[in-house]
Amino acid sequence: MRANPNVELHLNTDEVGDVVVRVTGKAKVSRSEPPANKVPAYVRKYRDQIKGFGWTPQVFAEKYPHPIRVRQLRFH
């Protein structure tokens, strides 16, 4: 991301896969924010997905220690 911060996110579709939302923007790693396991709202929202990987929130935070922020969003 340092060399090319341009990113595109693809959000969940409907059941048929007809509705795809794409978001483009500029990404940056944030080293000033706490890891995911220290943000209660994040843990509440993503606990099941993290558990689905066989991880705890602590393991997730060790594997992905820094949040990525995307700015200058454009929806397609």
N, C-alpha and C. Protein backbone atom coordinates (compact mmCIF):
# COMPACT_ATOMS: atom_id res chain seq x y z
N MET A 1 0.81 -1.18 0.00
CA MET A 1 0.00 0.00 0.00
C MET A 1 0.86 1.25 0.00
N ARG A 2 2.09 1.14 0.47
CA ARG A 2 2.95 2.32 0.44
C ARG A 2 3.23 2.72 -1.01
N ALA A 3 3.52 1.73 -1.84
CA ALA A 3 3.83 2.02 -3.24
C ALA A 3 2.59 2.40 -4.04
N ASN A 4 1.45 1.78 -3.71
CA ASN A 4 0.21 2.06 -4.43
C ASN A 4 -0.96 1.94 -3.47
N PRO A 5 -1.43 3.04 -2.91
CA PRO A 5 -2.49 2.99 -1.91
C PRO A 5 -3.89 2.80 -2.49
N ASN A 6 -4.02 2.73 -3.82
CA ASN A 6 -5.34 2.56 -4.44
C ASN A 6 -5.87 1.16 -4.16
N VAL A 7 -7.07 1.10 -3.61
CA VAL A 7 -7.68 -0.19 -3.28
C VAL A 7 -9.12 -0.22 -3.78
N GLU A 8 -9.64 -1.43 -3.91
CA GLU A 8 -11.04 -1.62 -4.24
C GLU A 8 -11.59 -2.71 -3.33
N LEU A 9 -12.69 -2.40 -2.68
CA LEU A 9 -13.35 -3.36 -1.80
C LEU A 9 -14.61 -3.84 -2.49
N HIS A 10 -14.90 -5.13 -2.35
CA HIS A 10 -16.13 -5.69 -2.88
C HIS A 10 -16.96 -6.13 -1.69
N LEU A 11 -18.14 -5.54 -1.55
CA LEU A 11 -19.00 -5.83 -0.41
C LEU A 11 -19.93 -6.99 -0.74
N ASN A 12 -20.49 -7.61 0.29
CA ASN A 12 -21.39 -8.75 0.11
C ASN A 12 -22.49 -8.43 -0.89
N THR A 13 -22.88 -9.45 -1.64
CA THR A 13 -23.95 -9.30 -2.62
C THR A 13 -25.25 -9.84 -2.06
N ASP A 14 -26.26 -9.80 -2.89
CA ASP A 14 -27.51 -10.46 -2.50
C ASP A 14 -27.34 -11.97 -2.69
N GLU A 15 -28.37 -12.75 -2.39
CA GLU A 15 -28.27 -14.21 -2.45
C GLU A 15 -27.96 -14.72 -3.85
N VAL A 16 -28.41 -14.01 -4.87
CA VAL A 16 -28.22 -14.42 -6.25
C VAL A 16 -26.88 -13.95 -6.81
N GLY A 17 -26.32 -12.94 -6.21
CA GLY A 17 -25.06 -12.39 -6.68
C GLY A 17 -25.24 -11.29 -7.71
N ASP A 18 -26.47 -10.81 -7.85
CA ASP A 18 -26.75 -9.77 -8.84
C ASP A 18 -26.34 -8.37 -8.39
N VAL A 19 -26.38 -8.11 -7.11
CA VAL A 19 -26.11 -6.77 -6.60
C VAL A 19 -24.70 -6.76 -5.99
N VAL A 20 -23.78 -6.14 -6.68
CA VAL A 20 -22.40 -6.06 -6.19
C VAL A 20 -22.09 -4.59 -5.92
N VAL A 21 -21.58 -4.31 -4.74
CA VAL A 21 -21.17 -2.95 -4.40
C VAL A 21 -19.65 -2.92 -4.37
N ARG A 22 -19.07 -2.05 -5.17
CA ARG A 22 -17.63 -1.86 -5.18
C ARG A 22 -17.32 -0.48 -4.61
N VAL A 23 -16.28 -0.42 -3.81
CA VAL A 23 -15.84 0.84 -3.21
C VAL A 23 -14.36 1.00 -3.51
N THR A 24 -13.99 2.13 -4.10
CA THR A 24 -12.57 2.40 -4.34
C THR A 24 -12.13 3.54 -3.43
N GLY A 25 -10.85 3.56 -3.15
CA GLY A 25 -10.33 4.61 -2.29
C GLY A 25 -8.83 4.48 -2.09
N LYS A 26 -8.31 5.25 -1.17
CA LYS A 26 -6.88 5.25 -0.82
C LYS A 26 -6.74 4.62 0.56
N ALA A 27 -5.89 3.61 0.65
CA ALA A 27 -5.70 2.88 1.91
C ALA A 27 -4.42 3.29 2.61
N LYS A 28 -4.48 3.23 3.93
CA LYS A 28 -3.30 3.54 4.75
C LYS A 28 -3.37 2.70 6.02
N VAL A 29 -2.24 2.13 6.39
CA VAL A 29 -2.15 1.38 7.64
C VAL A 29 -2.08 2.37 8.79
N SER A 30 -2.92 2.15 9.80
CA SER A 30 -2.93 3.03 10.97
C SER A 30 -2.18 2.36 12.11
N ARG A 31 -1.10 2.98 12.53
CA ARG A 31 -0.32 2.42 13.64
C ARG A 31 -0.64 3.12 14.96
N SER A 32 -1.56 4.08 14.92
CA SER A 32 -1.89 4.83 16.14
C SER A 32 -3.16 4.34 16.83
N GLU A 33 -3.85 3.38 16.23
CA GLU A 33 -5.09 2.88 16.81
C GLU A 33 -4.86 1.53 17.48
N PRO A 34 -5.72 1.17 18.43
CA PRO A 34 -5.54 -0.10 19.13
C PRO A 34 -5.83 -1.29 18.21
N PRO A 35 -5.29 -2.46 18.55
CA PRO A 35 -5.59 -3.66 17.77
C PRO A 35 -7.07 -4.03 17.92
N ALA A 36 -7.56 -4.82 16.99
CA ALA A 36 -8.99 -5.17 16.93
C ALA A 36 -9.51 -5.77 18.23
N ASN A 37 -8.71 -6.59 18.89
CA ASN A 37 -9.20 -7.25 20.11
C ASN A 37 -9.37 -6.28 21.28
N LYS A 38 -8.90 -5.05 21.13
CA LYS A 38 -9.07 -4.03 22.17
C LYS A 38 -10.22 -3.07 21.86
N VAL A 39 -10.97 -3.36 20.79
CA VAL A 39 -12.10 -2.52 20.39
C VAL A 39 -13.37 -3.36 20.56
N PRO A 40 -14.08 -3.19 21.68
CA PRO A 40 -15.24 -4.06 21.97
C PRO A 40 -16.28 -4.12 20.85
N ALA A 41 -16.57 -3.01 20.21
CA ALA A 41 -17.57 -3.02 19.14
C ALA A 41 -17.12 -3.89 17.97
N TYR A 42 -15.84 -3.86 17.66
CA TYR A 42 -15.30 -4.69 16.57
C TYR A 42 -15.41 -6.16 16.93
N VAL A 43 -15.02 -6.50 18.14
CA VAL A 43 -15.09 -7.90 18.59
C VAL A 43 -16.53 -8.39 18.56
N ARG A 44 -17.47 -7.58 19.04
CA ARG A 44 -18.89 -7.98 19.01
C ARG A 44 -19.36 -8.24 17.58
N LYS A 45 -19.00 -7.35 16.68
CA LYS A 45 -19.48 -7.46 15.30
C LYS A 45 -18.88 -8.65 14.56
N TYR A 46 -17.60 -8.94 14.79
CA TYR A 46 -16.90 -9.94 13.98
C TYR A 46 -16.52 -11.21 14.73
N ARG A 47 -17.01 -11.38 15.95
CA ARG A 47 -16.64 -12.55 16.75
C ARG A 47 -16.92 -13.86 16.01
N ASP A 48 -18.10 -14.00 15.41
CA ASP A 48 -18.44 -15.25 14.72
C ASP A 48 -17.53 -15.51 13.53
N GLN A 49 -17.20 -14.48 12.76
CA GLN A 49 -16.31 -14.67 11.62
C GLN A 49 -14.91 -15.05 12.09
N ILE A 50 -14.43 -14.41 13.13
CA ILE A 50 -13.11 -14.73 13.67
C ILE A 50 -13.10 -16.17 14.18
N LYS A 51 -14.15 -16.54 14.89
CA LYS A 51 -14.26 -17.92 15.40
C LYS A 51 -14.33 -18.92 14.25
N GLY A 52 -14.97 -18.53 13.14
CA GLY A 52 -15.07 -19.39 11.97
C GLY A 52 -13.71 -19.76 11.39
N PHE A 53 -12.72 -18.92 11.60
CA PHE A 53 -11.35 -19.22 11.17
C PHE A 53 -10.62 -20.10 12.18
N GLY A 54 -11.29 -20.36 13.32
CA GLY A 54 -10.64 -21.13 14.38
C GLY A 54 -9.75 -20.28 15.25
N TRP A 55 -9.96 -18.97 15.26
CA TRP A 55 -9.13 -18.05 16.02
C TRP A 55 -9.91 -17.45 17.17
N THR A 56 -9.19 -16.88 18.10
CA THR A 56 -9.76 -16.01 19.13
C THR A 56 -9.52 -14.57 18.66
N PRO A 57 -10.18 -13.59 19.27
CA PRO A 57 -9.87 -12.20 18.92
C PRO A 57 -8.39 -11.86 19.12
N GLN A 58 -7.76 -12.45 20.12
CA GLN A 58 -6.34 -12.22 20.37
C GLN A 58 -5.49 -12.73 19.20
N VAL A 59 -5.78 -13.92 18.72
CA VAL A 59 -5.02 -14.49 17.59
C VAL A 59 -5.23 -13.63 16.35
N PHE A 60 -6.48 -13.20 16.11
CA PHE A 60 -6.77 -12.33 14.98
C PHE A 60 -5.91 -11.06 15.04
N ALA A 61 -5.85 -10.44 16.22
CA ALA A 61 -5.07 -9.21 16.39
C ALA A 61 -3.58 -9.46 16.21
N GLU A 62 -3.10 -10.64 16.55
CA GLU A 62 -1.69 -10.95 16.32
C GLU A 62 -1.40 -11.12 14.83
N LYS A 63 -2.33 -11.71 14.10
CA LYS A 63 -2.14 -11.91 12.66
C LYS A 63 -2.32 -10.62 11.87
N TYR A 64 -3.25 -9.78 12.34
CA TYR A 64 -3.56 -8.51 11.68
C TYR A 64 -3.49 -7.40 12.72
N PRO A 65 -2.27 -6.95 13.07
CA PRO A 65 -2.10 -6.05 14.21
C PRO A 65 -2.50 -4.59 13.98
N HIS A 66 -2.63 -4.17 12.73
CA HIS A 66 -2.90 -2.75 12.47
C HIS A 66 -4.14 -2.58 11.60
N PRO A 67 -5.02 -1.66 11.98
CA PRO A 67 -6.17 -1.37 11.12
C PRO A 67 -5.73 -0.73 9.81
N ILE A 68 -6.53 -0.94 8.79
CA ILE A 68 -6.33 -0.28 7.50
C ILE A 68 -7.51 0.66 7.30
N ARG A 69 -7.22 1.91 7.08
CA ARG A 69 -8.25 2.92 6.86
C ARG A 69 -8.31 3.25 5.37
N VAL A 70 -9.51 3.33 4.85
CA VAL A 70 -9.70 3.68 3.44
C VAL A 70 -10.43 5.01 3.38
N ARG A 71 -9.87 5.95 2.66
CA ARG A 71 -10.43 7.30 2.54
C ARG A 71 -10.69 7.63 1.06
N GLN A 72 -11.26 8.78 0.84
CA GLN A 72 -11.59 9.24 -0.51
C GLN A 72 -12.42 8.18 -1.23
N LEU A 73 -13.48 7.75 -0.57
CA LEU A 73 -14.30 6.66 -1.08
C LEU A 73 -15.12 7.07 -2.29
N ARG A 74 -15.25 6.12 -3.18
CA ARG A 74 -16.14 6.26 -4.33
C ARG A 74 -16.90 4.94 -4.48
N PHE A 75 -18.21 5.03 -4.50
CA PHE A 75 -19.04 3.83 -4.62
C PHE A 75 -19.43 3.62 -6.08
N HIS A 76 -19.39 2.34 -6.50
CA HIS A 76 -19.72 1.98 -7.90
C HIS A 76 -20.88 1.01 -7.89
